[in-house]
């Protein structure tokens, strides 16, 4: 046999032999994925830790904080379960409410992936909502095996802080009572249908009515009545020491462009800012009239949100 004396060819052969050895070793010794985070269902014992984590970005976590303040971490009233995602040191990297409405707050991409894996197991979710960057990362993982998207919309998060302009007061703006429930329910249902495409009075009429009643009993629904007709309505979804989150803001179409809604929103702003640091609201990006309405009331654009409605 004639020995190979070509240095270049010898180097190639040595490289091939080395590669074959590495592949052989990999087959013999399977590569195990390192567990980066651990996700588990939270309990009421975790409340202080979770609230501390969520307090870092209060306008983005106000809804989850509101649920915790109102119901606790574990409650059927949350219409879902809270999960925490921790690193190997036990520090939280993400918190999510997974259920009818899936909400999340994360500090790492791996937490988004881990929480998305848990959310895939929830088969009756209605929507996923959150800041655009977080929802994009979450959805990239969730969509692989989760519920299919039925409808999606982009919303703008507006925030109100001091100072604000004081407009003419509205003496008759008041908290609704159960006597007005029959007027509030169909109005709120129309707003929900316009946003999600689903009429809650067809899907869950009794449950929807109970939720509207509970919000009234909590002192969260504000209305202005004239001659027995609602002129203005607004609901406080979450009421926390840092932020108050509004939704369901509505002005009677027959009274729009006359300053009624702006006066009511201004009065509510002054009332809420006397006990909270800010007030926030989400507005559909296509609703330019509503955007201008809130800007006239002193609200500033803070972030872009995505809401995904599921089948």
C-alpha atoms as a PDB file:
ATOM      1  CA  UNK A   1       0.000   0.000   0.000  1.00  0.00           C
ATOM      2  CA  UNK A   2       1.276   3.444  -0.911  1.00  0.00           C
ATOM      3  CA  UNK A   3       0.977   5.950   1.915  1.00  0.00           C
ATOM      4  CA  UNK A   4      -0.907   9.192   1.255  1.00  0.00           C
ATOM      5  CA  UNK A   5       1.645  12.007   1.303  1.00  0.00           C
ATOM      6  CA  UNK A   6      -0.662  14.821   0.122  1.00  0.00           C
ATOM      7  CA  UNK A   7      -0.930  17.217   3.124  1.00  0.00           C
ATOM      8  CA  UNK A   8      -4.146  18.889   1.907  1.00  0.00           C
ATOM      9  CA  UNK A   9      -5.931  15.589   1.350  1.00  0.00           C
ATOM     10  CA  UNK A  10      -4.732  14.340   4.718  1.00  0.00           C
ATOM     11  CA  UNK A  11      -6.264  17.367   6.470  1.00  0.00           C
ATOM     12  CA  UNK A  12      -9.600  16.738   4.719  1.00  0.00           C
ATOM     13  CA  UNK A  13      -9.585  13.101   5.781  1.00  0.00           C
ATOM     14  CA  UNK A  14      -8.823  14.028   9.388  1.00  0.00           C
ATOM     15  CA  UNK A  15     -11.684  16.547   9.376  1.00  0.00           C
ATOM     16  CA  UNK A  16     -14.108  13.935   8.053  1.00  0.00           C
ATOM     17  CA  UNK A  17     -13.014  11.399  10.657  1.00  0.00           C
ATOM     18  CA  UNK A  18     -13.483  14.014  13.405  1.00  0.00           C
ATOM     19  CA  UNK A  19     -16.989  14.856  12.152  1.00  0.00           C
ATOM     20  CA  UNK A  20     -17.965  11.184  12.034  1.00  0.00           C
ATOM     21  CA  UNK A  21     -16.748  10.738  15.604  1.00  0.00           C
ATOM     22  CA  UNK A  22     -18.821  13.718  16.801  1.00  0.00           C
ATOM     23  CA  UNK A  23     -21.984  12.396  15.114  1.00  0.00           C
ATOM     24  CA  UNK A  24     -21.406   8.921  16.557  1.00  0.00           C
ATOM     25  CA  UNK A  25     -20.957  10.367  20.051  1.00  0.00           C
ATOM     26  CA  UNK A  26     -24.131  12.453  19.678  1.00  0.00           C
ATOM     27  CA  UNK A  27     -26.115   9.331  18.760  1.00  0.00           C
ATOM     28  CA  UNK A  28     -24.745   7.464  21.768  1.00  0.00           C
ATOM     29  CA  UNK A  29     -25.358  10.395  24.136  1.00  0.00           C
ATOM     30  CA  UNK A  30     -28.727  12.152  23.465  1.00  0.00           C
ATOM     31  CA  UNK A  31     -28.636  15.921  24.012  1.00  0.00           C
ATOM     32  CA  UNK A  32     -31.075  16.918  26.759  1.00  0.00           C
ATOM     33  CA  UNK A  33     -32.686  20.347  26.651  1.00  0.00           C
ATOM     34  CA  UNK A  34     -31.864  22.453  29.675  1.00  0.00           C
ATOM     35  CA  UNK A  35     -34.969  23.461  31.639  1.00  0.00           C
ATOM     36  CA  UNK A  36     -34.780  27.248  31.614  1.00  0.00           C
ATOM     37  CA  UNK A  37     -38.052  28.127  33.343  1.00  0.00           C
ATOM     38  CA  UNK A  38     -40.710  26.342  35.362  1.00  0.00           C
ATOM     39  CA  UNK A  39     -44.378  27.276  34.959  1.00  0.00           C
ATOM     40  CA  UNK A  40     -46.967  26.497  37.621  1.00  0.00           C
ATOM     41  CA  UNK A  41     -50.428  27.549  38.716  1.00  0.00           C
ATOM     42  CA  UNK A  42     -50.311  30.336  41.290  1.00  0.00           C
ATOM     43  CA  UNK A  43     -52.045  30.273  44.672  1.00  0.00           C
ATOM     44  CA  UNK A  44     -53.193  32.997  47.026  1.00  0.00           C
ATOM     45  CA  UNK A  45     -49.924  32.510  48.928  1.00  0.00           C
ATOM     46  CA  UNK A  46     -48.148  34.043  45.908  1.00  0.00           C
ATOM     47  CA  UNK A  47     -50.184  37.249  45.970  1.00  0.00           C
ATOM     48  CA  UNK A  48     -47.561  39.617  47.381  1.00  0.00           C
ATOM     49  CA  UNK A  49     -44.861  38.360  45.012  1.00  0.00           C
ATOM     50  CA  UNK A  50     -47.151  38.571  41.972  1.00  0.00           C
ATOM     51  CA  UNK A  51     -48.378  42.080  42.779  1.00  0.00           C
ATOM     52  CA  UNK A  52     -44.776  43.212  43.199  1.00  0.00           C
ATOM     53  CA  UNK A  53     -43.900  41.779  39.781  1.00  0.00           C
ATOM     54  CA  UNK A  54     -46.917  43.379  38.107  1.00  0.00           C
ATOM     55  CA  UNK A  55     -46.300  46.759  39.758  1.00  0.00           C
ATOM     56  CA  UNK A  56     -43.297  47.409  37.515  1.00  0.00           C
ATOM     57  CA  UNK A  57     -45.529  48.435  34.606  1.00  0.00           C
ATOM     58  CA  UNK A  58     -48.862  49.415  36.146  1.00  0.00           C
ATOM     59  CA  UNK A  59     -50.689  50.705  33.060  1.00  0.00           C
ATOM     60  CA  UNK A  60     -49.954  47.427  31.263  1.00  0.00           C
ATOM     61  CA  UNK A  61     -50.941  45.140  34.126  1.00  0.00           C
ATOM     62  CA  UNK A  62     -53.920  47.037  35.541  1.00  0.00           C
ATOM     63  CA  UNK A  63     -56.473  44.433  34.424  1.00  0.00           C
ATOM     64  CA  UNK A  64     -54.703  41.506  36.081  1.00  0.00           C
ATOM     65  CA  UNK A  65     -54.025  43.546  39.210  1.00  0.00           C
ATOM     66  CA  UNK A  66     -57.694  44.508  39.287  1.00  0.00           C
ATOM     67  CA  UNK A  67     -58.759  40.855  39.186  1.00  0.00           C
ATOM     68  CA  UNK A  68     -56.377  40.026  42.028  1.00  0.00           C
ATOM     69  CA  UNK A  69     -57.586  42.931  44.176  1.00  0.00           C
ATOM     70  CA  UNK A  70     -61.252  42.107  43.505  1.00  0.00           C
ATOM     71  CA  UNK A  71     -61.214  38.312  43.618  1.00  0.00           C
ATOM     72  CA  UNK A  72     -57.809  36.995  44.720  1.00  0.00           C
ATOM     73  CA  UNK A  73     -55.413  34.926  42.628  1.00  0.00           C
ATOM     74  CA  UNK A  74     -57.691  31.890  42.828  1.00  0.00           C
ATOM     75  CA  UNK A  75     -61.359  32.544  42.091  1.00  0.00           C
ATOM     76  CA  UNK A  76     -64.020  31.417  39.629  1.00  0.00           C
ATOM     77  CA  UNK A  77     -64.797  35.113  39.142  1.00  0.00           C
ATOM     78  CA  UNK A  78     -61.476  35.486  37.283  1.00  0.00           C
ATOM     79  CA  UNK A  79     -62.890  33.148  34.594  1.00  0.00           C
ATOM     80  CA  UNK A  80     -59.486  31.514  34.355  1.00  0.00           C
ATOM     81  CA  UNK A  81     -56.348  30.618  36.308  1.00  0.00           C
ATOM     82  CA  UNK A  82     -53.209  32.593  37.072  1.00  0.00           C
ATOM     83  CA  UNK A  83     -49.862  31.016  36.178  1.00  0.00           C
ATOM     84  CA  UNK A  84     -46.347  32.069  37.090  1.00  0.00           C
ATOM     85  CA  UNK A  85     -43.169  31.379  35.133  1.00  0.00           C
ATOM     86  CA  UNK A  86     -39.956  31.257  37.207  1.00  0.00           C
ATOM     87  CA  UNK A  87     -36.277  30.852  36.339  1.00  0.00           C
ATOM     88  CA  UNK A  88     -33.933  28.408  38.057  1.00  0.00           C
ATOM     89  CA  UNK A  89     -33.389  30.965  40.851  1.00  0.00           C
ATOM     90  CA  UNK A  90     -37.110  31.056  41.558  1.00  0.00           C
ATOM     91  CA  UNK A  91     -37.600  34.606  40.234  1.00  0.00           C
ATOM     92  CA  UNK A  92     -40.721  35.419  38.259  1.00  0.00           C
ATOM     93  CA  UNK A  93     -40.192  36.088  34.561  1.00  0.00           C
ATOM     94  CA  UNK A  94     -43.850  36.016  33.618  1.00  0.00           C
ATOM     95  CA  UNK A  95     -47.404  36.034  34.949  1.00  0.00           C
ATOM     96  CA  UNK A  96     -50.513  35.217  32.926  1.00  0.00           C
ATOM     97  CA  UNK A  97     -54.225  34.868  33.474  1.00  0.00           C
ATOM     98  CA  UNK A  98     -55.234  31.999  31.181  1.00  0.00           C
ATOM     99  CA  UNK A  99     -58.921  31.449  30.550  1.00  0.00           C
ATOM    100  CA  UNK A 100     -61.840  33.327  28.986  1.00  0.00           C
ATOM    101  CA  UNK A 101     -59.549  36.326  28.559  1.00  0.00           C
ATOM    102  CA  UNK A 102     -55.849  35.493  28.400  1.00  0.00           C
ATOM    103  CA  UNK A 103     -53.612  38.309  29.648  1.00  0.00           C
ATOM    104  CA  UNK A 104     -49.877  38.252  30.233  1.00  0.00           C
ATOM    105  CA  UNK A 105     -46.877  40.195  31.457  1.00  0.00           C
ATOM    106  CA  UNK A 106     -43.400  38.796  30.779  1.00  0.00           C
ATOM    107  CA  UNK A 107     -39.808  39.945  30.971  1.00  0.00           C
ATOM    108  CA  UNK A 108     -38.302  37.254  28.708  1.00  0.00           C
ATOM    109  CA  UNK A 109     -39.113  35.496  25.445  1.00  0.00           C
ATOM    110  CA  UNK A 110     -38.757  32.097  27.116  1.00  0.00           C
ATOM    111  CA  UNK A 111     -41.516  33.022  29.562  1.00  0.00           C
ATOM    112  CA  UNK A 112     -43.791  33.885  26.630  1.00  0.00           C
ATOM    113  CA  UNK A 113     -43.105  30.467  25.111  1.00  0.00           C
ATOM    114  CA  UNK A 114     -43.682  28.624  28.383  1.00  0.00           C
ATOM    115  CA  UNK A 115     -46.972  30.413  29.091  1.00  0.00           C
ATOM    116  CA  UNK A 116     -48.135  29.872  25.506  1.00  0.00           C
ATOM    117  CA  UNK A 117     -47.618  26.131  25.994  1.00  0.00           C
ATOM    118  CA  UNK A 118     -49.900  26.209  29.046  1.00  0.00           C
ATOM    119  CA  UNK A 119     -52.492  28.335  27.224  1.00  0.00           C
ATOM    120  CA  UNK A 120     -52.710  25.791  24.399  1.00  0.00           C
ATOM    121  CA  UNK A 121     -54.369  23.410  26.849  1.00  0.00           C
ATOM    122  CA  UNK A 122     -57.221  25.869  27.497  1.00  0.00           C
ATOM    123  CA  UNK A 123     -59.773  25.057  24.799  1.00  0.00           C
ATOM    124  CA  UNK A 124     -62.536  27.556  25.611  1.00  0.00           C
ATOM    125  CA  UNK A 125     -60.633  30.859  25.567  1.00  0.00           C
ATOM    126  CA  UNK A 126     -62.409  33.865  24.088  1.00  0.00           C
ATOM    127  CA  UNK A 127     -59.518  36.249  23.499  1.00  0.00           C
ATOM    128  CA  UNK A 128     -55.847  37.023  24.018  1.00  0.00           C
ATOM    129  CA  UNK A 129     -54.958  40.633  24.740  1.00  0.00           C
ATOM    130  CA  UNK A 130     -51.813  42.564  25.548  1.00  0.00           C
ATOM    131  CA  UNK A 131     -49.061  44.890  24.427  1.00  0.00           C
ATOM    132  CA  UNK A 132     -48.168  44.256  20.793  1.00  0.00           C
ATOM    133  CA  UNK A 133     -44.602  43.015  21.346  1.00  0.00           C
ATOM    134  CA  UNK A 134     -45.654  40.542  24.033  1.00  0.00           C
ATOM    135  CA  UNK A 135     -48.619  39.213  22.075  1.00  0.00           C
ATOM    136  CA  UNK A 136     -46.528  38.724  18.935  1.00  0.00           C
ATOM    137  CA  UNK A 137     -44.010  36.588  20.833  1.00  0.00           C
ATOM    138  CA  UNK A 138     -46.739  34.692  22.664  1.00  0.00           C
ATOM    139  CA  UNK A 139     -48.785  34.056  19.490  1.00  0.00           C
ATOM    140  CA  UNK A 140     -45.775  32.737  17.552  1.00  0.00           C
ATOM    141  CA  UNK A 141     -45.697  29.809  19.985  1.00  0.00           C
ATOM    142  CA  UNK A 142     -49.392  29.537  20.834  1.00  0.00           C
ATOM    143  CA  UNK A 143     -50.588  29.308  17.212  1.00  0.00           C
ATOM    144  CA  UNK A 144     -48.744  26.017  16.680  1.00  0.00           C
ATOM    145  CA  UNK A 145     -51.307  24.050  18.690  1.00  0.00           C
ATOM    146  CA  UNK A 146     -53.774  26.532  20.192  1.00  0.00           C
ATOM    147  CA  UNK A 147     -57.224  27.698  19.155  1.00  0.00           C
ATOM    148  CA  UNK A 148     -57.476  29.318  15.761  1.00  0.00           C
ATOM    149  CA  UNK A 149     -57.787  33.065  15.331  1.00  0.00           C
ATOM    150  CA  UNK A 150     -61.319  34.221  14.496  1.00  0.00           C
ATOM    151  CA  UNK A 151     -60.745  37.955  14.445  1.00  0.00           C
ATOM    152  CA  UNK A 152     -57.989  40.367  15.469  1.00  0.00           C
ATOM    153  CA  UNK A 153     -57.820  44.083  16.073  1.00  0.00           C
ATOM    154  CA  UNK A 154     -55.182  46.596  17.027  1.00  0.00           C
ATOM    155  CA  UNK A 155     -55.850  49.104  19.781  1.00  0.00           C
ATOM    156  CA  UNK A 156     -54.134  52.159  21.189  1.00  0.00           C
ATOM    157  CA  UNK A 157     -53.594  52.548  24.911  1.00  0.00           C
ATOM    158  CA  UNK A 158     -54.301  56.107  26.076  1.00  0.00           C
ATOM    159  CA  UNK A 159     -53.453  57.434  29.535  1.00  0.00           C
ATOM    160  CA  UNK A 160     -54.662  60.463  31.478  1.00  0.00           C
ATOM    161  CA  UNK A 161     -52.515  62.221  34.101  1.00  0.00           C
ATOM    162  CA  UNK A 162     -52.627  65.516  35.945  1.00  0.00           C
ATOM    163  CA  UNK A 163     -53.040  68.311  35.053  1.00  0.00           C
ATOM    164  CA  UNK A 164     -56.324  68.179  33.147  1.00  0.00           C
ATOM    165  CA  UNK A 165     -58.737  70.854  31.994  1.00  0.00           C
ATOM    166  CA  UNK A 166     -61.808  71.324  34.169  1.00  0.00           C
ATOM    167  CA  UNK A 167     -64.915  71.573  32.000  1.00  0.00           C
ATOM    168  CA  UNK A 168     -68.488  72.364  33.033  1.00  0.00           C
ATOM    169  CA  UNK A 169     -69.626  69.948  35.738  1.00  0.00           C
ATOM    170  CA  UNK A 170     -72.302  67.310  35.166  1.00  0.00           C
ATOM    171  CA  UNK A 171     -74.324  67.222  38.413  1.00  0.00           C
ATOM    172  CA  UNK A 172     -76.438  64.263  37.284  1.00  0.00           C
ATOM    173  CA  UNK A 173     -73.485  61.978  36.461  1.00  0.00           C
ATOM    174  CA  UNK A 174     -73.831  59.189  39.007  1.00  0.00           C
ATOM    175  CA  UNK A 175     -73.150  55.572  39.820  1.00  0.00           C
ATOM    176  CA  UNK A 176     -75.764  53.265  38.313  1.00  0.00           C
ATOM    177  CA  UNK A 177     -78.009  51.207  40.564  1.00  0.00           C
ATOM    178  CA  UNK A 178     -79.672  47.860  39.920  1.00  0.00           C
ATOM    179  CA  UNK A 179     -82.789  49.847  38.986  1.00  0.00           C
ATOM    180  CA  UNK A 180     -80.959  50.819  35.775  1.00  0.00           C
ATOM    181  CA  UNK A 181     -79.694  47.286  35.038  1.00  0.00           C
ATOM    182  CA  UNK A 182     -82.255  46.656  32.286  1.00  0.00           C
ATOM    183  CA  UNK A 183     -80.960  49.729  30.441  1.00  0.00           C
ATOM    184  CA  UNK A 184     -77.270  49.004  31.004  1.00  0.00           C
ATOM    185  CA  UNK A 185     -77.284  45.339  29.886  1.00  0.00           C
ATOM    186  CA  UNK A 186     -78.407  45.773  26.231  1.00  0.00           C
ATOM    187  CA  UNK A 187     -76.181  48.817  25.834  1.00  0.00           C
ATOM    188  CA  UNK A 188     -73.116  46.968  27.114  1.00  0.00           C
ATOM    189  CA  UNK A 189     -73.982  43.982  24.925  1.00  0.00           C
ATOM    190  CA  UNK A 190     -73.987  46.181  21.817  1.00  0.00           C
ATOM    191  CA  UNK A 191     -70.544  47.505  22.703  1.00  0.00           C
ATOM    192  CA  UNK A 192     -69.224  43.963  23.223  1.00  0.00           C
ATOM    193  CA  UNK A 193     -70.676  42.814  19.897  1.00  0.00           C
ATOM    194  CA  UNK A 194     -69.156  45.771  18.032  1.00  0.00           C
ATOM    195  CA  UNK A 195     -65.704  44.852  19.362  1.00  0.00           C
ATOM    196  CA  UNK A 196     -65.723  41.060  19.252  1.00  0.00           C
ATOM    197  CA  UNK A 197     -68.411  40.122  16.747  1.00  0.00           C
ATOM    198  CA  UNK A 198     -70.191  37.974  19.347  1.00  0.00           C
ATOM    199  CA  UNK A 199     -73.420  38.973  21.072  1.00  0.00           C
ATOM    200  CA  UNK A 200     -73.069  37.971  24.756  1.00  0.00           C
ATOM    201  CA  UNK A 201     -76.857  38.015  25.135  1.00  0.00           C
ATOM    202  CA  UNK A 202     -77.025  35.131  22.682  1.00  0.00           C
ATOM    203  CA  UNK A 203     -74.053  33.166  23.983  1.00  0.00           C
ATOM    204  CA  UNK A 204     -74.445  33.599  27.747  1.00  0.00           C
ATOM    205  CA  UNK A 205     -77.391  35.901  28.560  1.00  0.00           C
ATOM    206  CA  UNK A 206     -77.706  35.042  32.262  1.00  0.00           C
ATOM    207  CA  UNK A 207     -73.957  35.132  32.939  1.00  0.00           C
ATOM    208  CA  UNK A 208     -73.589  38.439  31.105  1.00  0.00           C
ATOM    209  CA  UNK A 209     -76.449  39.985  33.050  1.00  0.00           C
ATOM    210  CA  UNK A 210     -74.911  38.791  36.325  1.00  0.00           C
ATOM    211  CA  UNK A 211     -71.550  40.319  35.427  1.00  0.00           C
ATOM    212  CA  UNK A 212     -73.194  43.655  34.594  1.00  0.00           C
ATOM    213  CA  UNK A 213     -75.092  43.524  37.884  1.00  0.00           C
ATOM    214  CA  UNK A 214     -71.935  42.752  39.857  1.00  0.00           C
ATOM    215  CA  UNK A 215     -70.121  45.701  38.295  1.00  0.00           C
ATOM    216  CA  UNK A 216     -73.000  47.963  39.308  1.00  0.00           C
ATOM    217  CA  UNK A 217     -72.953  46.547  42.842  1.00  0.00           C
ATOM    218  CA  UNK A 218     -69.205  47.228  43.009  1.00  0.00           C
ATOM    219  CA  UNK A 219     -69.825  50.892  42.188  1.00  0.00           C
ATOM    220  CA  UNK A 220     -68.067  50.662  38.828  1.00  0.00           C
ATOM    221  CA  UNK A 221     -70.738  51.764  36.309  1.00  0.00           C
ATOM    222  CA  UNK A 222     -71.256  55.482  35.778  1.00  0.00           C
ATOM    223  CA  UNK A 223     -74.263  56.883  33.913  1.00  0.00           C
ATOM    224  CA  UNK A 224     -75.965  60.178  33.131  1.00  0.00           C
ATOM    225  CA  UNK A 225     -79.736  59.927  32.789  1.00  0.00           C
ATOM    226  CA  UNK A 226     -82.035  62.518  31.261  1.00  0.00           C
ATOM    227  CA  UNK A 227     -85.794  61.907  31.093  1.00  0.00           C
ATOM    228  CA  UNK A 228     -85.118  58.261  31.976  1.00  0.00           C
ATOM    229  CA  UNK A 229     -82.725  57.769  29.047  1.00  0.00           C
ATOM    230  CA  UNK A 230     -78.991  57.087  29.310  1.00  0.00           C
ATOM    231  CA  UNK A 231     -77.010  59.955  27.806  1.00  0.00           C
ATOM    232  CA  UNK A 232     -73.553  58.724  28.845  1.00  0.00           C
ATOM    233  CA  UNK A 233     -72.077  55.530  30.287  1.00  0.00           C
ATOM    234  CA  UNK A 234     -68.633  54.395  31.379  1.00  0.00           C
ATOM    235  CA  UNK A 235     -67.421  51.306  33.251  1.00  0.00           C
ATOM    236  CA  UNK A 236     -64.452  50.960  35.584  1.00  0.00           C
ATOM    237  CA  UNK A 237     -63.040  47.527  34.781  1.00  0.00           C
ATOM    238  CA  UNK A 238     -60.091  47.715  37.175  1.00  0.00           C
ATOM    239  CA  UNK A 239     -59.680  50.061  40.108  1.00  0.00           C
ATOM    240  CA  UNK A 240     -56.175  49.979  41.593  1.00  0.00           C
ATOM    241  CA  UNK A 241     -54.202  52.515  43.650  1.00  0.00           C
ATOM    242  CA  UNK A 242     -51.952  53.194  40.633  1.00  0.00           C
ATOM    243  CA  UNK A 243     -54.271  53.036  37.633  1.00  0.00           C
ATOM    244  CA  UNK A 244     -57.981  53.014  36.861  1.00  0.00           C
ATOM    245  CA  UNK A 245     -58.915  51.255  33.628  1.00  0.00           C
ATOM    246  CA  UNK A 246     -62.054  52.334  31.765  1.00  0.00           C
ATOM    247  CA  UNK A 247     -64.063  50.627  29.047  1.00  0.00           C
ATOM    248  CA  UNK A 248     -67.588  50.723  27.694  1.00  0.00           C
ATOM    249  CA  UNK A 249     -67.459  54.513  27.354  1.00  0.00           C
ATOM    250  CA  UNK A 250     -70.541  55.508  25.364  1.00  0.00           C
ATOM    251  CA  UNK A 251     -72.436  58.670  24.488  1.00  0.00           C
ATOM    252  CA  UNK A 252     -75.977  58.595  23.135  1.00  0.00           C
ATOM    253  CA  UNK A 253     -75.763  59.102  19.330  1.00  0.00           C
ATOM    254  CA  UNK A 254     -78.439  61.805  19.556  1.00  0.00           C
ATOM    255  CA  UNK A 255     -76.218  63.799  21.936  1.00  0.00           C
ATOM    256  CA  UNK A 256     -72.834  63.432  20.261  1.00  0.00           C
ATOM    257  CA  UNK A 257     -70.764  66.395  19.050  1.00  0.00           C
ATOM    258  CA  UNK A 258     -72.488  68.578  21.648  1.00  0.00           C
ATOM    259  CA  UNK A 259     -69.915  68.337  24.431  1.00  0.00           C
ATOM    260  CA  UNK A 260     -71.875  65.957  26.655  1.00  0.00           C
ATOM    261  CA  UNK A 261     -69.396  63.076  26.482  1.00  0.00           C
ATOM    262  CA  UNK A 262     -66.383  65.341  26.923  1.00  0.00           C
ATOM    263  CA  UNK A 263     -67.850  66.956  30.029  1.00  0.00           C
ATOM    264  CA  UNK A 264     -68.614  63.562  31.576  1.00  0.00           C
ATOM    265  CA  UNK A 265     -65.162  62.189  30.763  1.00  0.00           C
ATOM    266  CA  UNK A 266     -63.533  65.303  32.220  1.00  0.00           C
ATOM    267  CA  UNK A 267     -65.522  64.997  35.447  1.00  0.00           C
ATOM    268  CA  UNK A 268     -64.682  61.307  35.771  1.00  0.00           C
ATOM    269  CA  UNK A 269     -61.010  62.092  35.156  1.00  0.00           C
ATOM    270  CA  UNK A 270     -60.926  64.594  38.012  1.00  0.00           C
ATOM    271  CA  UNK A 271     -62.742  62.154  40.300  1.00  0.00           C
ATOM    272  CA  UNK A 272     -60.433  59.240  39.534  1.00  0.00           C
ATOM    273  CA  UNK A 273     -57.168  61.186  39.609  1.00  0.00           C
ATOM    274  CA  UNK A 274     -57.962  62.324  43.131  1.00  0.00           C
ATOM    275  CA  UNK A 275     -57.190  58.744  44.273  1.00  0.00           C
ATOM    276  CA  UNK A 276     -55.150  57.130  41.459  1.00  0.00           C
ATOM    277  CA  UNK A 277     -52.040  58.155  39.554  1.00  0.00           C
ATOM    278  CA  UNK A 278     -53.569  57.736  36.105  1.00  0.00           C
ATOM    279  CA  UNK A 279     -56.568  56.623  34.078  1.00  0.00           C
ATOM    280  CA  UNK A 280     -56.232  54.512  30.932  1.00  0.00           C
ATOM    281  CA  UNK A 281     -58.443  53.274  28.107  1.00  0.00           C
ATOM    282  CA  UNK A 282     -58.041  51.209  24.928  1.00  0.00           C
ATOM    283  CA  UNK A 283     -59.290  52.567  21.601  1.00  0.00           C
ATOM    284  CA  UNK A 284     -59.527  50.674  18.312  1.00  0.00           C
ATOM    285  CA  UNK A 285     -56.939  52.007  15.852  1.00  0.00           C
ATOM    286  CA  UNK A 286     -59.643  52.406  13.187  1.00  0.00           C
ATOM    287  CA  UNK A 287     -61.867  54.560  15.404  1.00  0.00           C
ATOM    288  CA  UNK A 288     -60.378  57.967  14.655  1.00  0.00           C
ATOM    289  CA  UNK A 289     -63.326  59.848  16.167  1.00  0.00           C
ATOM    290  CA  UNK A 290     -62.828  58.106  19.516  1.00  0.00           C
ATOM    291  CA  UNK A 291     -59.090  58.781  19.403  1.00  0.00           C
ATOM    292  CA  UNK A 292     -59.702  62.489  18.894  1.00  0.00           C
ATOM    293  CA  UNK A 293     -62.321  62.413  21.648  1.00  0.00           C
ATOM    294  CA  UNK A 294     -59.848  61.090  24.229  1.00  0.00           C
ATOM    295  CA  UNK A 295     -57.077  63.383  23.044  1.00  0.00           C
ATOM    296  CA  UNK A 296     -59.397  66.376  23.503  1.00  0.00           C
ATOM    297  CA  UNK A 297     -59.998  65.127  27.058  1.00  0.00           C
ATOM    298  CA  UNK A 298     -56.236  65.170  27.730  1.00  0.00           C
ATOM    299  CA  UNK A 299     -55.387  61.486  27.172  1.00  0.00           C
ATOM    300  CA  UNK A 300     -51.946  60.678  25.702  1.00  0.00           C
ATOM    301  CA  UNK A 301     -50.990  57.725  23.515  1.00  0.00           C
ATOM    302  CA  UNK A 302     -48.745  55.325  25.457  1.00  0.00           C
ATOM    303  CA  UNK A 303     -48.649  51.974  23.647  1.00  0.00           C
ATOM    304  CA  UNK A 304     -50.067  49.754  20.917  1.00  0.00           C
ATOM    305  CA  UNK A 305     -52.070  46.665  21.879  1.00  0.00           C
ATOM    306  CA  UNK A 306     -53.243  43.578  20.006  1.00  0.00           C
ATOM    307  CA  UNK A 307     -56.445  41.712  20.771  1.00  0.00           C
ATOM    308  CA  UNK A 308     -56.967  38.285  19.183  1.00  0.00           C
ATOM    309  CA  UNK A 309     -60.444  36.747  19.323  1.00  0.00           C
ATOM    310  CA  UNK A 310     -60.467  32.954  19.128  1.00  0.00           C
ATOM    311  CA  UNK A 311     -62.771  30.318  17.685  1.00  0.00           C
END
